[in-house]
């Protein structure tokens, strides 16, 4: 098995050779430093040139130029939505399918936007198609995948909770984690879910199955979910944590409870 690359600790440590490979899309980023270092417009140009789609470039660059803040996240979103718009005009969905498993994690991030922000897809279709990206081996793709569908989750909360509750029984820890992370009441760098801030019990169908999950990755998300809820409905979190402690003696449950209660215990 090929040993996973550790990646540069800082931009100063990032070699030109690795940066060129990242911008050419021949390798994926190994950590957050590299993920942020990718020149997404250059990567997009290479992608489109290599696939005979260079005519998509200029309209997307014009949209990027309009951005008030040029950040990795804003460019990521703009390119993803731009690819969706341009391929829709040309009825070129095959191109999106062809690059959906691209080596570059940045390209796969763009594809998640073509799913999550596609007005032609129903909520269930979006979640079905995004699941492969929720299970992605790359941290960046996993994070962007839930962020792209979160607006649709908020708009269709009841249906979303019903669908995602089934994901908690997945054998794949990344998919179980998505169910929790995508519905966090407050979340990170995203719109809050006001209904869940005030009524966190609505998501018990997701939380309960994960209360003693074997994956620390999942437990971190559940603990953070409840910590979010503790800021608006502290008694709910206190009561639920007490209940879980009585029902489960696993280290996972103890870990989740500690993480859930960290704000209340300050």
C-alpha atoms as a PDB file:
ATOM      1  CA  UNK A   1       0.000   0.000   0.000  1.00  0.00           C
ATOM      2  CA  UNK A   2       1.279   3.467  -0.895  1.00  0.00           C
ATOM      3  CA  UNK A   3       2.185   5.510   2.169  1.00  0.00           C
ATOM      4  CA  UNK A   4       0.023   8.590   2.590  1.00  0.00           C
ATOM      5  CA  UNK A   5       1.821  11.865   2.030  1.00  0.00           C
ATOM      6  CA  UNK A   6       2.063  14.014   5.168  1.00  0.00           C
ATOM      7  CA  UNK A   7       2.041  17.315   3.332  1.00  0.00           C
ATOM      8  CA  UNK A   8       3.670  20.668   4.003  1.00  0.00           C
ATOM      9  CA  UNK A   9       3.245  22.174   7.461  1.00  0.00           C
ATOM     10  CA  UNK A  10       3.337  25.717   6.134  1.00  0.00           C
ATOM     11  CA  UNK A  11       3.321  27.524   2.797  1.00  0.00           C
ATOM     12  CA  UNK A  12       7.070  28.050   3.159  1.00  0.00           C
ATOM     13  CA  UNK A  13       7.538  24.285   3.339  1.00  0.00           C
ATOM     14  CA  UNK A  14       5.468  23.648   0.217  1.00  0.00           C
ATOM     15  CA  UNK A  15       7.742  22.814  -2.702  1.00  0.00           C
ATOM     16  CA  UNK A  16       7.107  24.229  -6.157  1.00  0.00           C
ATOM     17  CA  UNK A  17       6.948  20.677  -7.505  1.00  0.00           C
ATOM     18  CA  UNK A  18       4.071  19.724  -5.194  1.00  0.00           C
ATOM     19  CA  UNK A  19       2.298  23.036  -5.808  1.00  0.00           C
ATOM     20  CA  UNK A  20       2.502  22.492  -9.569  1.00  0.00           C
ATOM     21  CA  UNK A  21       1.046  19.004  -9.201  1.00  0.00           C
ATOM     22  CA  UNK A  22      -1.790  20.371  -7.033  1.00  0.00           C
ATOM     23  CA  UNK A  23      -2.568  23.093  -9.562  1.00  0.00           C
ATOM     24  CA  UNK A  24      -2.415  20.586 -12.424  1.00  0.00           C
ATOM     25  CA  UNK A  25      -4.794  18.261 -10.582  1.00  0.00           C
ATOM     26  CA  UNK A  26      -2.439  15.283 -10.667  1.00  0.00           C
ATOM     27  CA  UNK A  27      -2.399  14.851  -6.866  1.00  0.00           C
ATOM     28  CA  UNK A  28      -4.786  15.721  -4.062  1.00  0.00           C
ATOM     29  CA  UNK A  29      -3.920  17.940  -1.121  1.00  0.00           C
ATOM     30  CA  UNK A  30      -2.521  16.142   1.913  1.00  0.00           C
ATOM     31  CA  UNK A  31      -3.642  18.639   4.563  1.00  0.00           C
ATOM     32  CA  UNK A  32      -5.325  21.986   5.128  1.00  0.00           C
ATOM     33  CA  UNK A  33      -2.188  23.965   4.252  1.00  0.00           C
ATOM     34  CA  UNK A  34      -2.041  22.401   0.811  1.00  0.00           C
ATOM     35  CA  UNK A  35      -5.807  22.626   0.335  1.00  0.00           C
ATOM     36  CA  UNK A  36      -5.651  26.380   0.895  1.00  0.00           C
ATOM     37  CA  UNK A  37      -2.592  26.752  -1.340  1.00  0.00           C
ATOM     38  CA  UNK A  38      -4.259  25.462  -4.507  1.00  0.00           C
ATOM     39  CA  UNK A  39      -4.731  28.097  -7.194  1.00  0.00           C
ATOM     40  CA  UNK A  40      -8.273  27.114  -8.087  1.00  0.00           C
ATOM     41  CA  UNK A  41      -8.499  29.268 -11.209  1.00  0.00           C
ATOM     42  CA  UNK A  42      -5.310  27.699 -12.563  1.00  0.00           C
ATOM     43  CA  UNK A  43      -6.576  24.229 -11.678  1.00  0.00           C
ATOM     44  CA  UNK A  44      -9.858  24.999 -13.429  1.00  0.00           C
ATOM     45  CA  UNK A  45      -8.017  26.161 -16.542  1.00  0.00           C
ATOM     46  CA  UNK A  46      -5.986  22.942 -16.669  1.00  0.00           C
ATOM     47  CA  UNK A  47      -9.095  20.828 -16.093  1.00  0.00           C
ATOM     48  CA  UNK A  48     -11.021  22.496 -18.888  1.00  0.00           C
ATOM     49  CA  UNK A  49      -8.093  22.450 -21.314  1.00  0.00           C
ATOM     50  CA  UNK A  50      -7.478  18.761 -20.718  1.00  0.00           C
ATOM     51  CA  UNK A  51     -11.142  17.980 -21.366  1.00  0.00           C
ATOM     52  CA  UNK A  52     -11.748  20.259 -24.363  1.00  0.00           C
ATOM     53  CA  UNK A  53     -14.063  22.527 -22.350  1.00  0.00           C
ATOM     54  CA  UNK A  54     -11.984  25.711 -22.260  1.00  0.00           C
ATOM     55  CA  UNK A  55     -15.036  27.711 -23.428  1.00  0.00           C
ATOM     56  CA  UNK A  56     -16.442  27.295 -19.906  1.00  0.00           C
ATOM     57  CA  UNK A  57     -13.546  29.205 -18.377  1.00  0.00           C
ATOM     58  CA  UNK A  58     -14.253  32.873 -19.125  1.00  0.00           C
ATOM     59  CA  UNK A  59     -17.836  33.002 -17.767  1.00  0.00           C
ATOM     60  CA  UNK A  60     -16.715  31.366 -14.524  1.00  0.00           C
ATOM     61  CA  UNK A  61     -13.721  33.687 -14.150  1.00  0.00           C
ATOM     62  CA  UNK A  62     -16.070  36.659 -14.576  1.00  0.00           C
ATOM     63  CA  UNK A  63     -18.169  35.391 -11.664  1.00  0.00           C
ATOM     64  CA  UNK A  64     -15.061  34.913  -9.520  1.00  0.00           C
ATOM     65  CA  UNK A  65     -14.006  38.496 -10.300  1.00  0.00           C
ATOM     66  CA  UNK A  66     -17.308  39.729  -8.854  1.00  0.00           C
ATOM     67  CA  UNK A  67     -16.637  38.162  -5.452  1.00  0.00           C
ATOM     68  CA  UNK A  68     -16.202  40.692  -2.655  1.00  0.00           C
ATOM     69  CA  UNK A  69     -14.053  38.215  -0.752  1.00  0.00           C
ATOM     70  CA  UNK A  70     -11.652  35.989  -2.652  1.00  0.00           C
ATOM     71  CA  UNK A  71     -11.271  32.998  -0.357  1.00  0.00           C
ATOM     72  CA  UNK A  72     -10.847  29.282  -0.946  1.00  0.00           C
ATOM     73  CA  UNK A  73     -14.456  28.681   0.064  1.00  0.00           C
ATOM     74  CA  UNK A  74     -15.979  31.472  -2.039  1.00  0.00           C
ATOM     75  CA  UNK A  75     -13.975  30.457  -5.098  1.00  0.00           C
ATOM     76  CA  UNK A  76     -14.828  26.812  -4.505  1.00  0.00           C
ATOM     77  CA  UNK A  77     -18.529  27.599  -4.472  1.00  0.00           C
ATOM     78  CA  UNK A  78     -18.386  29.964  -7.445  1.00  0.00           C
ATOM     79  CA  UNK A  79     -16.518  27.477  -9.617  1.00  0.00           C
ATOM     80  CA  UNK A  80     -18.851  24.638  -8.654  1.00  0.00           C
ATOM     81  CA  UNK A  81     -21.975  26.648  -9.420  1.00  0.00           C
ATOM     82  CA  UNK A  82     -20.317  28.003 -12.561  1.00  0.00           C
ATOM     83  CA  UNK A  83     -19.656  24.486 -13.831  1.00  0.00           C
ATOM     84  CA  UNK A  84     -23.261  23.591 -13.080  1.00  0.00           C
ATOM     85  CA  UNK A  85     -24.546  26.609 -15.019  1.00  0.00           C
ATOM     86  CA  UNK A  86     -22.254  26.195 -18.016  1.00  0.00           C
ATOM     87  CA  UNK A  87     -22.827  22.460 -18.406  1.00  0.00           C
ATOM     88  CA  UNK A  88     -26.580  22.978 -18.011  1.00  0.00           C
ATOM     89  CA  UNK A  89     -26.590  25.465 -20.892  1.00  0.00           C
ATOM     90  CA  UNK A  90     -24.779  22.972 -23.120  1.00  0.00           C
ATOM     91  CA  UNK A  91     -26.632  19.913 -21.763  1.00  0.00           C
ATOM     92  CA  UNK A  92     -23.205  18.553 -20.882  1.00  0.00           C
ATOM     93  CA  UNK A  93     -23.913  16.571 -17.713  1.00  0.00           C
ATOM     94  CA  UNK A  94     -21.577  13.829 -18.975  1.00  0.00           C
ATOM     95  CA  UNK A  95     -18.603  16.111 -18.299  1.00  0.00           C
ATOM     96  CA  UNK A  96     -19.590  16.409 -14.639  1.00  0.00           C
ATOM     97  CA  UNK A  97     -19.912  12.644 -14.397  1.00  0.00           C
ATOM     98  CA  UNK A  98     -16.507  12.188 -16.024  1.00  0.00           C
ATOM     99  CA  UNK A  99     -14.733  14.387 -13.463  1.00  0.00           C
ATOM    100  CA  UNK A 100     -16.739  13.343 -10.377  1.00  0.00           C
ATOM    101  CA  UNK A 101     -13.972  10.948  -9.300  1.00  0.00           C
ATOM    102  CA  UNK A 102     -11.111  13.225 -10.340  1.00  0.00           C
ATOM    103  CA  UNK A 103      -7.763  12.815  -8.578  1.00  0.00           C
ATOM    104  CA  UNK A 104      -7.899  16.418  -7.345  1.00  0.00           C
ATOM    105  CA  UNK A 105      -9.925  16.845  -4.174  1.00  0.00           C
ATOM    106  CA  UNK A 106     -10.646  20.440  -5.222  1.00  0.00           C
ATOM    107  CA  UNK A 107     -12.347  19.221  -8.388  1.00  0.00           C
ATOM    108  CA  UNK A 108     -14.415  16.755  -6.372  1.00  0.00           C
ATOM    109  CA  UNK A 109     -15.399  19.661  -4.101  1.00  0.00           C
ATOM    110  CA  UNK A 110     -16.629  21.571  -7.147  1.00  0.00           C
ATOM    111  CA  UNK A 111     -18.757  18.595  -8.135  1.00  0.00           C
ATOM    112  CA  UNK A 112     -20.514  18.598  -4.758  1.00  0.00           C
ATOM    113  CA  UNK A 113     -21.807  22.089  -5.574  1.00  0.00           C
ATOM    114  CA  UNK A 114     -23.167  20.868  -8.907  1.00  0.00           C
ATOM    115  CA  UNK A 115     -25.279  18.478  -6.833  1.00  0.00           C
ATOM    116  CA  UNK A 116     -26.160  20.496  -3.755  1.00  0.00           C
ATOM    117  CA  UNK A 117     -27.077  23.667  -5.629  1.00  0.00           C
ATOM    118  CA  UNK A 118     -28.833  22.032  -8.579  1.00  0.00           C
ATOM    119  CA  UNK A 119     -32.440  23.342  -8.597  1.00  0.00           C
ATOM    120  CA  UNK A 120     -33.503  20.471 -10.860  1.00  0.00           C
ATOM    121  CA  UNK A 121     -32.836  17.901  -8.130  1.00  0.00           C
ATOM    122  CA  UNK A 122     -35.177  17.056  -5.260  1.00  0.00           C
ATOM    123  CA  UNK A 123     -33.846  16.805  -1.727  1.00  0.00           C
ATOM    124  CA  UNK A 124     -33.798  13.018  -1.843  1.00  0.00           C
ATOM    125  CA  UNK A 125     -31.940  13.085  -5.174  1.00  0.00           C
ATOM    126  CA  UNK A 126     -29.369  15.520  -3.797  1.00  0.00           C
ATOM    127  CA  UNK A 127     -28.730  13.405  -0.714  1.00  0.00           C
ATOM    128  CA  UNK A 128     -28.556  10.220  -2.748  1.00  0.00           C
ATOM    129  CA  UNK A 129     -25.958  11.703  -5.093  1.00  0.00           C
ATOM    130  CA  UNK A 130     -23.978  13.459  -2.373  1.00  0.00           C
ATOM    131  CA  UNK A 131     -23.536  10.272  -0.335  1.00  0.00           C
ATOM    132  CA  UNK A 132     -20.487   9.171  -2.336  1.00  0.00           C
ATOM    133  CA  UNK A 133     -18.815  12.489  -1.509  1.00  0.00           C
ATOM    134  CA  UNK A 134     -19.886  12.240   2.138  1.00  0.00           C
ATOM    135  CA  UNK A 135     -17.898   8.992   2.181  1.00  0.00           C
ATOM    136  CA  UNK A 136     -14.896  10.498   0.368  1.00  0.00           C
ATOM    137  CA  UNK A 137     -11.438   9.733   1.725  1.00  0.00           C
ATOM    138  CA  UNK A 138     -10.496  13.427   1.674  1.00  0.00           C
ATOM    139  CA  UNK A 139     -11.447  15.707   4.574  1.00  0.00           C
ATOM    140  CA  UNK A 140     -12.096  18.704   2.327  1.00  0.00           C
ATOM    141  CA  UNK A 141     -14.556  16.895   0.087  1.00  0.00           C
ATOM    142  CA  UNK A 142     -16.438  15.562   3.116  1.00  0.00           C
ATOM    143  CA  UNK A 143     -16.788  19.034   4.643  1.00  0.00           C
ATOM    144  CA  UNK A 144     -17.854  20.747   1.442  1.00  0.00           C
ATOM    145  CA  UNK A 145     -20.339  17.965   0.681  1.00  0.00           C
ATOM    146  CA  UNK A 146     -22.517  18.696   3.716  1.00  0.00           C
ATOM    147  CA  UNK A 147     -22.136  22.444   3.307  1.00  0.00           C
ATOM    148  CA  UNK A 148     -23.490  22.300  -0.253  1.00  0.00           C
ATOM    149  CA  UNK A 149     -26.703  20.508   0.725  1.00  0.00           C
ATOM    150  CA  UNK A 150     -27.272  22.259   4.056  1.00  0.00           C
ATOM    151  CA  UNK A 151     -29.553  24.970   2.551  1.00  0.00           C
ATOM    152  CA  UNK A 152     -31.762  22.204   1.132  1.00  0.00           C
ATOM    153  CA  UNK A 153     -31.684  20.364   4.456  1.00  0.00           C
ATOM    154  CA  UNK A 154     -32.900  23.500   6.233  1.00  0.00           C
ATOM    155  CA  UNK A 155     -35.661  24.072   3.678  1.00  0.00           C
ATOM    156  CA  UNK A 156     -36.828  20.465   3.954  1.00  0.00           C
ATOM    157  CA  UNK A 157     -35.902  19.675   7.542  1.00  0.00           C
ATOM    158  CA  UNK A 158     -38.491  17.011   8.340  1.00  0.00           C
ATOM    159  CA  UNK A 159     -37.727  15.008   5.217  1.00  0.00           C
ATOM    160  CA  UNK A 160     -33.985  15.511   5.731  1.00  0.00           C
ATOM    161  CA  UNK A 161     -34.082  14.131   9.267  1.00  0.00           C
ATOM    162  CA  UNK A 162     -36.043  11.105   8.063  1.00  0.00           C
ATOM    163  CA  UNK A 163     -33.526  10.337   5.328  1.00  0.00           C
ATOM    164  CA  UNK A 164     -30.411  11.047   7.384  1.00  0.00           C
ATOM    165  CA  UNK A 165     -31.673   8.948  10.293  1.00  0.00           C
ATOM    166  CA  UNK A 166     -31.217   5.933   8.005  1.00  0.00           C
ATOM    167  CA  UNK A 167     -27.632   6.970   7.295  1.00  0.00           C
ATOM    168  CA  UNK A 168     -26.748   6.424  10.964  1.00  0.00           C
ATOM    169  CA  UNK A 169     -26.832   2.660  10.353  1.00  0.00           C
ATOM    170  CA  UNK A 170     -24.289   2.847   7.516  1.00  0.00           C
ATOM    171  CA  UNK A 171     -21.181   0.702   7.820  1.00  0.00           C
ATOM    172  CA  UNK A 172     -19.170   3.717   6.667  1.00  0.00           C
ATOM    173  CA  UNK A 173     -18.204   6.059   9.499  1.00  0.00           C
ATOM    174  CA  UNK A 174     -17.977   9.061   7.151  1.00  0.00           C
ATOM    175  CA  UNK A 175     -21.612   8.619   6.143  1.00  0.00           C
ATOM    176  CA  UNK A 176     -22.742   8.253   9.763  1.00  0.00           C
ATOM    177  CA  UNK A 177     -20.782  11.377  10.617  1.00  0.00           C
ATOM    178  CA  UNK A 178     -22.396  13.295   7.746  1.00  0.00           C
ATOM    179  CA  UNK A 179     -25.857  12.674   9.237  1.00  0.00           C
ATOM    180  CA  UNK A 180     -24.791  14.399  12.443  1.00  0.00           C
ATOM    181  CA  UNK A 181     -22.536  17.109  11.026  1.00  0.00           C
ATOM    182  CA  UNK A 182     -24.959  18.252   8.310  1.00  0.00           C
ATOM    183  CA  UNK A 183     -27.705  18.861  10.880  1.00  0.00           C
ATOM    184  CA  UNK A 184     -25.732  20.590  13.632  1.00  0.00           C
ATOM    185  CA  UNK A 185     -27.893  23.418  15.038  1.00  0.00           C
ATOM    186  CA  UNK A 186     -25.102  25.961  14.748  1.00  0.00           C
ATOM    187  CA  UNK A 187     -22.449  24.322  12.627  1.00  0.00           C
ATOM    188  CA  UNK A 188     -19.285  25.975  11.386  1.00  0.00           C
ATOM    189  CA  UNK A 189     -19.103  28.574   8.578  1.00  0.00           C
ATOM    190  CA  UNK A 190     -22.739  27.969   7.691  1.00  0.00           C
ATOM    191  CA  UNK A 191     -26.305  29.051   8.338  1.00  0.00           C
ATOM    192  CA  UNK A 192     -27.755  28.014  11.691  1.00  0.00           C
ATOM    193  CA  UNK A 193     -30.781  25.725  11.851  1.00  0.00           C
ATOM    194  CA  UNK A 194     -33.070  27.793  14.064  1.00  0.00           C
ATOM    195  CA  UNK A 195     -35.676  25.055  14.490  1.00  0.00           C
ATOM    196  CA  UNK A 196     -33.084  22.647  15.882  1.00  0.00           C
ATOM    197  CA  UNK A 197     -31.589  25.343  18.101  1.00  0.00           C
ATOM    198  CA  UNK A 198     -34.965  25.656  19.796  1.00  0.00           C
ATOM    199  CA  UNK A 199     -36.207  22.072  19.332  1.00  0.00           C
ATOM    200  CA  UNK A 200     -33.158  19.770  19.316  1.00  0.00           C
ATOM    201  CA  UNK A 201     -35.344  16.795  20.230  1.00  0.00           C
ATOM    202  CA  UNK A 202     -36.480  16.703  16.594  1.00  0.00           C
ATOM    203  CA  UNK A 203     -33.119  15.170  15.701  1.00  0.00           C
ATOM    204  CA  UNK A 204     -33.142  12.354  18.261  1.00  0.00           C
ATOM    205  CA  UNK A 205     -33.643   9.893  15.410  1.00  0.00           C
ATOM    206  CA  UNK A 206     -30.106  10.801  14.331  1.00  0.00           C
ATOM    207  CA  UNK A 207     -28.488  11.318  17.727  1.00  0.00           C
ATOM    208  CA  UNK A 208     -29.734   8.232  19.561  1.00  0.00           C
ATOM    209  CA  UNK A 209     -28.244   5.628  17.189  1.00  0.00           C
ATOM    210  CA  UNK A 210     -24.846   7.359  17.432  1.00  0.00           C
ATOM    211  CA  UNK A 211     -24.619   7.725  21.235  1.00  0.00           C
ATOM    212  CA  UNK A 212     -22.000   4.971  21.560  1.00  0.00           C
ATOM    213  CA  UNK A 213     -20.549   4.945  18.048  1.00  0.00           C
ATOM    214  CA  UNK A 214     -17.252   3.128  17.625  1.00  0.00           C
ATOM    215  CA  UNK A 215     -15.749   5.968  15.558  1.00  0.00           C
ATOM    216  CA  UNK A 216     -14.120   8.949  17.279  1.00  0.00           C
ATOM    217  CA  UNK A 217     -14.829  10.938  14.096  1.00  0.00           C
ATOM    218  CA  UNK A 218     -18.543  10.344  14.600  1.00  0.00           C
ATOM    219  CA  UNK A 219     -18.391  10.901  18.354  1.00  0.00           C
ATOM    220  CA  UNK A 220     -16.719  14.281  17.853  1.00  0.00           C
ATOM    221  CA  UNK A 221     -19.580  15.362  15.619  1.00  0.00           C
ATOM    222  CA  UNK A 222     -22.310  14.155  17.998  1.00  0.00           C
ATOM    223  CA  UNK A 223     -20.594  15.860  20.928  1.00  0.00           C
ATOM    224  CA  UNK A 224     -20.335  19.082  18.954  1.00  0.00           C
ATOM    225  CA  UNK A 225     -23.993  18.748  17.893  1.00  0.00           C
ATOM    226  CA  UNK A 226     -25.108  18.626  21.510  1.00  0.00           C
ATOM    227  CA  UNK A 227     -22.723  21.386  22.534  1.00  0.00           C
ATOM    228  CA  UNK A 228     -24.393  23.543  19.867  1.00  0.00           C
ATOM    229  CA  UNK A 229     -27.792  22.701  21.352  1.00  0.00           C
ATOM    230  CA  UNK A 230     -26.624  23.406  24.907  1.00  0.00           C
ATOM    231  CA  UNK A 231     -26.325  27.110  24.081  1.00  0.00           C
ATOM    232  CA  UNK A 232     -30.073  27.446  23.510  1.00  0.00           C
ATOM    233  CA  UNK A 233     -31.610  24.394  25.227  1.00  0.00           C
ATOM    234  CA  UNK A 234     -29.238  23.460  28.075  1.00  0.00           C
ATOM    235  CA  UNK A 235     -31.741  21.350  29.992  1.00  0.00           C
ATOM    236  CA  UNK A 236     -32.367  19.126  26.979  1.00  0.00           C
ATOM    237  CA  UNK A 237     -28.657  18.380  26.723  1.00  0.00           C
ATOM    238  CA  UNK A 238     -28.284  17.792  30.472  1.00  0.00           C
ATOM    239  CA  UNK A 239     -31.217  15.384  30.528  1.00  0.00           C
ATOM    240  CA  UNK A 240     -30.117  13.527  27.406  1.00  0.00           C
ATOM    241  CA  UNK A 241     -26.545  13.129  28.626  1.00  0.00           C
ATOM    242  CA  UNK A 242     -27.765  11.760  31.966  1.00  0.00           C
ATOM    243  CA  UNK A 243     -30.021   9.325  30.127  1.00  0.00           C
ATOM    244  CA  UNK A 244     -27.193   8.148  27.890  1.00  0.00           C
ATOM    245  CA  UNK A 245     -24.842   7.689  30.842  1.00  0.00           C
ATOM    246  CA  UNK A 246     -27.439   5.439  32.486  1.00  0.00           C
ATOM    247  CA  UNK A 247     -28.013   3.460  29.305  1.00  0.00           C
ATOM    248  CA  UNK A 248     -24.428   3.061  28.116  1.00  0.00           C
ATOM    249  CA  UNK A 249     -21.115   2.531  29.920  1.00  0.00           C
ATOM    250  CA  UNK A 250     -18.965   2.683  26.793  1.00  0.00           C
ATOM    251  CA  UNK A 251     -15.977   4.986  26.453  1.00  0.00           C
ATOM    252  CA  UNK A 252     -17.618   6.442  23.352  1.00  0.00           C
ATOM    253  CA  UNK A 253     -20.667   7.609  25.269  1.00  0.00           C
ATOM    254  CA  UNK A 254     -18.514   9.071  28.051  1.00  0.00           C
ATOM    255  CA  UNK A 255     -16.464  10.914  25.423  1.00  0.00           C
ATOM    256  CA  UNK A 256     -19.576  12.321  23.716  1.00  0.00           C
ATOM    257  CA  UNK A 257     -21.072  13.458  27.037  1.00  0.00           C
ATOM    258  CA  UNK A 258     -17.877  15.245  28.036  1.00  0.00           C
ATOM    259  CA  UNK A 259     -17.715  17.016  24.696  1.00  0.00           C
ATOM    260  CA  UNK A 260     -21.437  17.858  24.781  1.00  0.00           C
ATOM    261  CA  UNK A 261     -21.236  19.372  28.248  1.00  0.00           C
ATOM    262  CA  UNK A 262     -18.033  21.376  27.803  1.00  0.00           C
ATOM    263  CA  UNK A 263     -19.770  24.765  27.483  1.00  0.00           C
ATOM    264  CA  UNK A 264     -22.197  24.078  30.325  1.00  0.00           C
ATOM    265  CA  UNK A 265     -19.357  22.899  32.583  1.00  0.00           C
ATOM    266  CA  UNK A 266     -17.280  26.046  32.137  1.00  0.00           C
END
